[in-house]
Amino acid sequence: MKNKFSAFITIAIVFIASCNGNPGKADNPQQSEVPVDRESNDFLVNALHNGMAEARLAKLAKEKTISRKVKDYAGMIMNDHGILNDQLKAVSSGLHIVLPSSPDKGMQTKLRSLNDHAGKDFDRIFLDIMIGDHEKVIRLFEHASKKVNNAEVKTLIDNALPQLNKHLDSARALIRMYK
């Protein structure tokens, strides 16, 4: 019995030593705390700011729109940006990047302003905002794709761009109903 206990203690010491005293983080070069490049850091912070804003705008639209098509579009935005925001948070966490917890003040102003509208006017303004914001976000992602050095961030960007372009194309198609 004493030999089994000694063997267990030995295995536990070896395991803890291999984790460098940090349980749950094995000695793995891919998990080492390498500083993240400034472009990756700035991109992740800006992308999450924008993603949270679009998700909140879409939530408001889903509640206030009178159009089934706009409601479906808003649902797609909420779902897709919710997933993308979770991915941004996961990558950022692994890189020890401090992220914003809410959209920036400019977006909060847009939310309050949009909330003052109703009916077709609301839908048109919401879609105009979605078009402008998605054009801006796509530029952000495309620029970052060329500049970031972190492979995980680059992969996230490359995987998200087609979906962001789909959102932009959908908003452009929907806005035609209001022109």
Foldseek 3Di string as FASTA:
>chain_A
DVVVVVVVVVVVVVQCVQQVNDPPRGVDPVLDQDAFDPLLLVLLQVLLLLLQLLLVLLVLCLVAEPDPLSVVLSVLSNVLSVVLNVLSVVVCVSNVHDHDPYHDPVSVVVSVVLNVDHYPVSSLSSLVVLLVSLVVNLVSLVVSLVPGDDPSSNVSSVVCNVVSVVSNVSSVVVNVVVD
